Amino acid sequence: MILTKKSRCFFYTHVQEVVILEIYLDVMFLENFLMDYMLLLLTGNILHKQKKAVGMLLAAIIGSIYSVLCSLAGVIWTGDHTAVWQGALQLINLVIAYVMAKCAYEDVRRKNACICIATMLALAFVAGGILSWMEQTFLAGAANRSTLLLAVGTVFFGYLFLKRWIGAMRERMHYKKCNLPVILHLQGKQIGCRGLLDSGNSLREPISGRPVVIVEQDLLLRHGIRQPERYFAIPYHAIGTQNGILKGVLADELEIPGQQGEKRWQKVMLGIYEGKISRQDEYQVILHPKL
């Protein structure tokens, strides 16, 4: 997307007018990279497209390189070739917009590719008009469009970085709050482990209605807990498993130590899960929010 403009310096000699065209390729690349990334982000949000992190950067780089090449070609192809160049440019714009959409978003097919391209071009047109209006109305010659674009890009990316950083900090604080030490009392043994308090865990034993705490089978085996001959059958649904059954066993006690005192529950239903609950082994138990 070409959103920047080049500066022209005019001066006259006694014979003819001389035009000097100044093009700063590094500034032009940075300007178009910032604007292309913002356009891709806005297009994805408007169309509810799933965005690719690396693909967004690659698409913005492609658009920036294309803008630089167009500017250089526009300088070379002048005079009689101007009309041909302008016509070819319109077709190339569509191709580049399609390539950028394919790089930036998931599931871009022929049916919705036209919508993506039309949205991107419309946003580029609107953004160019807004920038021109802001430049003429507010700047009044005090600064050029490059300064305005860099200021807008800096504010935009600063906002994205701050939003991502705040979200990561909140997620980390929530994880620390929900990742708790747990002590299980079962078959006369104490098992120390980590438990995740999952608000989405609504599993209950169907007959008694007791909330179910999910525990890894390997955790019990490592502590010499025997497989129960009699157990509760706990049906569950999960991704990839529509009609699963967990073996349920009653723990004598479940204890959660804490700075504000210990919390204890008697006769807690444990659902034995045969796989790994956490890939990084950060926790071995999923606690029920109704404990």
Protein backbone atom coordinates (compact mmCIF):
# COMPACT_ATOMS: atom_id res chain seq x y z
CA MET A 1 0.00 0.00 0.00
CA ILE A 2 1.52 3.32 -1.02
CA LEU A 3 0.59 5.82 1.67
CA THR A 4 3.54 8.19 1.70
CA LYS A 5 4.41 11.05 -0.59
CA LYS A 6 7.76 12.14 -1.90
CA SER A 7 9.18 15.61 -1.56
CA ARG A 8 9.87 17.71 -4.65
CA CYS A 9 12.19 20.73 -4.74
CA PHE A 10 11.68 23.20 -7.61
CA PHE A 11 14.14 25.81 -8.82
CA TYR A 12 14.57 27.66 -12.06
CA THR A 13 17.52 28.41 -14.29
CA HIS A 14 17.60 30.92 -17.10
CA VAL A 15 16.91 28.08 -19.56
CA GLN A 16 14.50 25.59 -17.98
CA GLU A 17 12.76 24.41 -14.84
CA VAL A 18 14.67 21.77 -12.89
CA VAL A 19 12.92 19.36 -10.54
CA ILE A 20 14.85 17.49 -7.88
CA LEU A 21 13.01 14.50 -6.43
CA GLU A 22 14.20 13.45 -2.96
CA ILE A 23 13.29 9.93 -1.88
CA TYR A 24 14.42 8.59 1.50
CA LEU A 25 14.03 4.84 1.09
CA ASP A 26 14.60 3.96 4.75
CA VAL A 27 11.98 6.47 5.94
CA MET A 28 9.56 5.36 3.24
CA PHE A 29 10.02 1.70 4.19
CA LEU A 30 9.43 2.41 7.89
CA GLU A 31 6.38 4.58 7.23
CA ASN A 32 4.71 2.02 4.99
CA PHE A 33 5.60 -0.83 7.34
CA LEU A 34 3.84 0.92 10.22
CA MET A 35 0.79 1.80 8.16
CA ASP A 36 0.54 -1.61 6.47
CA TYR A 37 0.68 -3.38 9.82
CA MET A 38 -2.05 -1.13 11.21
CA LEU A 39 -4.19 -1.72 8.10
CA LEU A 40 -3.75 -5.48 8.39
CA LEU A 41 -4.65 -5.40 12.06
CA LEU A 42 -7.76 -3.30 11.47
CA THR A 43 -8.85 -5.48 8.54
CA GLY A 44 -8.47 -8.62 10.64
CA ASN A 45 -10.49 -7.12 13.49
CA ILE A 46 -13.26 -5.89 11.17
CA LEU A 47 -13.58 -9.23 9.35
CA HIS A 48 -12.94 -11.31 12.51
CA LYS A 49 -10.01 -13.07 10.88
CA GLN A 50 -7.60 -15.22 12.85
CA LYS A 51 -4.26 -13.46 12.52
CA LYS A 52 -0.78 -14.98 12.20
CA ALA A 53 1.83 -13.28 14.35
CA VAL A 54 4.77 -13.88 12.00
CA GLY A 55 2.55 -13.62 8.93
CA MET A 56 1.42 -10.11 9.89
CA LEU A 57 5.02 -8.92 10.05
CA LEU A 58 5.86 -10.65 6.77
CA ALA A 59 2.85 -9.10 5.03
CA ALA A 60 3.77 -5.62 6.28
CA ILE A 61 7.34 -6.10 5.03
CA ILE A 62 6.07 -7.22 1.62
CA GLY A 63 3.84 -4.15 1.37
CA SER A 64 6.69 -1.86 2.39
CA ILE A 65 9.13 -3.33 -0.14
CA TYR A 66 6.46 -3.03 -2.81
CA SER A 67 5.91 0.65 -1.97
CA VAL A 68 9.63 1.39 -2.23
CA LEU A 69 9.90 -0.41 -5.57
CA CYS A 70 6.87 1.45 -6.91
CA SER A 71 8.41 4.76 -5.97
CA LEU A 72 11.66 3.93 -7.72
CA ALA A 73 9.83 2.64 -10.81
CA GLY A 74 7.67 5.78 -10.87
CA VAL A 75 10.79 7.89 -11.16
CA ILE A 76 12.18 5.79 -14.00
CA TRP A 77 8.95 5.30 -15.96
CA THR A 78 8.00 8.84 -16.80
CA GLY A 79 6.88 10.64 -19.91
CA ASP A 80 5.32 8.34 -22.49
CA HIS A 81 5.31 5.38 -20.10
CA THR A 82 3.33 7.06 -17.33
CA ALA A 83 -0.11 5.83 -18.48
CA VAL A 84 1.13 2.25 -18.92
CA TRP A 85 2.77 2.30 -15.51
CA GLN A 86 -0.34 3.63 -13.78
CA GLY A 87 -2.52 0.96 -15.38
CA ALA A 88 -0.14 -1.85 -14.46
CA LEU A 89 0.11 -0.46 -10.93
CA GLN A 90 -3.61 -0.96 -10.28
CA LEU A 91 -3.38 -4.64 -11.20
CA ILE A 92 -0.23 -5.16 -9.15
CA ASN A 93 -1.92 -3.53 -6.14
CA LEU A 94 -4.59 -6.21 -6.18
CA VAL A 95 -2.01 -9.01 -6.41
CA ILE A 96 0.07 -7.59 -3.56
CA ALA A 97 -3.04 -7.11 -1.42
CA TYR A 98 -3.98 -10.76 -1.99
CA VAL A 99 -0.47 -11.95 -1.07
CA MET A 100 -0.53 -9.83 2.09
CA ALA A 101 -3.92 -11.24 3.08
CA LYS A 102 -2.72 -14.82 2.53
CA CYS A 103 0.33 -14.17 4.70
CA ALA A 104 -1.48 -12.34 7.49
CA TYR A 105 -4.67 -14.34 8.04
CA GLU A 106 -5.79 -17.91 8.43
CA ASP A 107 -8.26 -19.46 6.00
CA VAL A 108 -8.15 -16.92 3.16
CA ARG A 109 -9.88 -18.59 0.23
CA ARG A 110 -11.13 -17.39 -3.11
CA LYS A 111 -14.60 -16.55 -1.78
CA ASN A 112 -13.47 -14.28 1.03
CA ALA A 113 -10.22 -13.06 -0.56
CA CYS A 114 -12.12 -10.38 -2.49
CA ILE A 115 -13.67 -9.12 0.75
CA CYS A 116 -10.25 -8.96 2.42
CA ILE A 117 -8.71 -7.10 -0.53
CA ALA A 118 -11.63 -4.66 -0.80
CA THR A 119 -11.51 -3.95 2.94
CA MET A 120 -7.75 -3.39 2.91
CA LEU A 121 -7.90 -1.02 -0.07
CA ALA A 122 -10.85 0.87 1.41
CA LEU A 123 -9.04 1.31 4.73
CA ALA A 124 -5.89 2.43 2.90
CA PHE A 125 -7.92 5.04 1.00
CA VAL A 126 -9.60 6.29 4.17
CA ALA A 127 -6.30 6.34 6.11
CA GLY A 128 -4.63 8.35 3.35
CA GLY A 129 -7.46 10.88 3.39
CA ILE A 130 -7.40 11.20 7.18
CA LEU A 131 -3.64 11.74 7.19
CA SER A 132 -3.90 14.42 4.48
CA TRP A 133 -6.65 16.20 6.42
CA MET A 134 -4.65 16.05 9.67
CA GLU A 135 -1.55 17.32 7.90
CA GLN A 136 -3.33 20.29 6.34
CA THR A 137 -5.54 21.12 9.32
CA PHE A 138 -3.38 20.61 12.38
CA LEU A 139 0.21 20.67 11.19
CA ALA A 140 -0.15 23.66 8.82
CA GLY A 141 3.33 23.22 7.44
CA ALA A 142 4.96 22.76 10.84
CA ALA A 143 5.87 19.17 9.98
CA ASN A 144 5.58 16.84 7.02
CA ARG A 145 3.63 13.64 6.61
CA SER A 146 6.63 11.50 7.53
CA THR A 147 6.67 13.01 11.01
CA LEU A 148 2.93 12.48 11.33
CA LEU A 149 3.12 8.85 10.22
CA LEU A 150 5.98 8.08 12.58
CA ALA A 151 4.10 9.71 15.47
CA VAL A 152 0.93 7.76 14.72
CA GLY A 153 2.90 4.52 14.33
CA THR A 154 4.78 5.08 17.58
CA VAL A 155 1.57 5.71 19.52
CA PHE A 156 -0.15 2.72 17.91
CA PHE A 157 2.64 0.22 18.54
CA GLY A 158 3.20 1.63 22.00
CA TYR A 159 -0.47 0.99 22.75
CA LEU A 160 -0.21 -2.59 21.42
CA PHE A 161 2.93 -3.27 23.46
CA LEU A 162 1.39 -1.83 26.63
CA LYS A 163 -1.82 -3.79 26.11
CA ARG A 164 0.09 -7.04 25.54
CA TRP A 165 2.33 -6.40 28.56
CA ILE A 166 -0.60 -5.64 30.86
CA GLY A 167 -2.43 -8.75 29.60
CA ALA A 168 0.64 -10.93 30.21
CA MET A 169 1.08 -9.52 33.72
CA ARG A 170 -2.58 -10.12 34.55
CA GLU A 171 -2.37 -13.66 33.22
CA ARG A 172 0.77 -14.31 35.24
CA MET A 173 -0.80 -12.94 38.42
CA HIS A 174 -3.94 -14.98 37.84
CA TYR A 175 -1.84 -18.10 37.25
CA LYS A 176 0.09 -17.56 40.48
CA LYS A 177 -3.17 -17.05 42.33
CA CYS A 178 -4.71 -20.23 40.88
CA ASN A 179 -1.62 -22.49 41.01
CA LEU A 180 -1.78 -23.74 44.60
CA PRO A 181 0.04 -26.29 46.76
CA VAL A 182 -2.12 -29.32 47.46
CA ILE A 183 -1.77 -32.21 49.92
CA LEU A 184 -3.86 -35.34 49.29
CA HIS A 185 -4.55 -37.85 52.07
CA LEU A 186 -5.30 -41.20 50.47
CA GLN A 187 -4.85 -44.79 51.67
CA GLY A 188 -2.92 -43.59 54.71
CA LYS A 189 -0.39 -41.59 52.68
CA GLN A 190 0.19 -37.90 52.11
CA ILE A 191 0.84 -36.75 48.56
CA GLY A 192 2.22 -33.29 48.00
CA CYS A 193 1.62 -31.74 44.57
CA ARG A 194 0.48 -28.62 42.75
CA GLY A 195 -3.13 -27.94 41.83
CA LEU A 196 -4.71 -25.55 39.33
CA LEU A 197 -7.95 -23.89 40.40
CA ASP A 198 -9.96 -24.12 37.17
CA SER A 199 -13.21 -22.17 37.09
CA GLY A 200 -14.22 -24.18 34.01
CA ASN A 201 -14.12 -27.49 35.86
CA SER A 202 -17.80 -28.34 36.39
CA LEU A 203 -17.32 -32.10 36.70
CA ARG A 204 -19.41 -33.85 39.36
CA GLU A 205 -19.98 -37.44 40.36
CA PRO A 206 -23.48 -38.16 38.94
CA ILE A 207 -24.94 -40.09 41.89
CA SER A 208 -23.74 -38.14 44.93
CA GLY A 209 -23.25 -34.81 43.12
CA ARG A 210 -19.83 -34.33 44.73
CA PRO A 211 -17.44 -31.98 42.92
CA VAL A 212 -14.63 -33.92 41.23
CA VAL A 213 -10.95 -33.06 41.59
CA ILE A 214 -8.98 -34.45 38.64
CA VAL A 215 -5.62 -36.04 39.49
CA GLU A 216 -2.96 -37.65 37.32
CA GLN A 217 -2.71 -41.42 37.57
CA ASP A 218 1.11 -41.29 37.45
CA LEU A 219 1.14 -39.11 40.57
CA LEU A 220 -0.69 -41.80 42.51
CA LEU A 221 1.46 -44.60 41.12
CA ARG A 222 4.68 -42.78 42.06
CA HIS A 223 3.50 -42.69 45.67
CA GLY A 224 2.51 -46.35 45.73
CA ILE A 225 -1.25 -45.79 45.69
CA ARG A 226 -2.97 -48.99 44.60
CA GLN A 227 -5.58 -49.01 41.89
CA PRO A 228 -8.98 -49.34 43.55
CA GLU A 229 -10.95 -52.51 42.85
CA ARG A 230 -14.17 -50.64 43.34
CA TYR A 231 -14.50 -47.15 42.00
CA PHE A 232 -17.04 -44.56 40.94
CA ALA A 233 -17.71 -44.13 37.23
CA ILE A 234 -17.56 -40.45 36.31
CA PRO A 235 -18.65 -39.58 32.77
CA TYR A 236 -17.00 -36.56 31.16
CA HIS A 237 -16.77 -34.70 27.86
CA ALA A 238 -13.59 -33.11 26.48
CA ILE A 239 -12.05 -32.09 23.17
CA GLY A 240 -11.63 -35.29 21.16
CA THR A 241 -13.56 -37.33 23.76
CA GLN A 242 -17.34 -37.19 23.72
CA ASN A 243 -18.16 -40.10 26.04
CA GLY A 244 -15.25 -40.62 28.40
CA ILE A 245 -15.25 -42.33 31.80
CA LEU A 246 -12.97 -41.42 34.70
CA LYS A 247 -12.35 -43.79 37.59
CA GLY A 248 -13.38 -42.02 40.77
CA VAL A 249 -12.08 -42.68 44.27
CA LEU A 250 -12.74 -40.93 47.58
CA ALA A 251 -9.74 -39.25 49.20
CA ASP A 252 -9.76 -39.09 52.99
CA GLU A 253 -8.84 -35.43 52.93
CA LEU A 254 -7.64 -32.65 50.64
CA GLU A 255 -5.57 -29.86 52.15
CA ILE A 256 -4.48 -26.54 50.65
CA PRO A 257 -1.84 -24.75 52.75
CA GLY A 258 -1.78 -20.97 52.55
CA GLN A 259 -0.58 -17.79 54.22
CA GLN A 260 -4.06 -17.11 55.55
CA GLY A 261 -4.38 -20.58 57.06
CA GLU A 262 -4.98 -24.09 55.83
CA LYS A 263 -8.15 -25.20 54.11
CA ARG A 264 -9.32 -28.78 54.47
CA TRP A 265 -12.06 -30.85 52.88
CA GLN A 266 -13.11 -34.35 53.92
CA LYS A 267 -14.15 -37.17 51.57
CA VAL A 268 -13.17 -35.46 48.34
CA MET A 269 -13.96 -37.23 45.05
CA LEU A 270 -10.88 -37.74 42.88
CA GLY A 271 -11.17 -38.45 39.17
CA ILE A 272 -8.11 -40.41 37.98
CA TYR A 273 -6.82 -39.15 34.64
CA GLU A 274 -4.48 -41.50 32.76
CA GLY A 275 -2.62 -38.81 30.77
CA LYS A 276 -0.67 -35.67 31.62
CA ILE A 277 -2.67 -32.71 32.89
CA SER A 278 0.15 -30.20 32.30
CA ARG A 279 2.71 -30.64 29.53
CA GLN A 280 5.38 -28.83 31.55
CA ASP A 281 4.34 -30.71 34.72
CA GLU A 282 3.52 -27.40 36.41
CA TYR A 283 0.55 -28.97 38.20
CA GLN A 284 -0.79 -32.49 38.63
CA VAL A 285 -4.26 -31.75 39.98
CA ILE A 286 -7.20 -29.71 38.65
CA LEU A 287 -9.23 -28.36 41.56
CA HIS A 288 -12.96 -27.82 41.46
CA PRO A 289 -14.15 -24.23 42.09
CA LYS A 290 -16.94 -25.44 44.38
CA LEU A 291 -14.65 -26.96 46.98
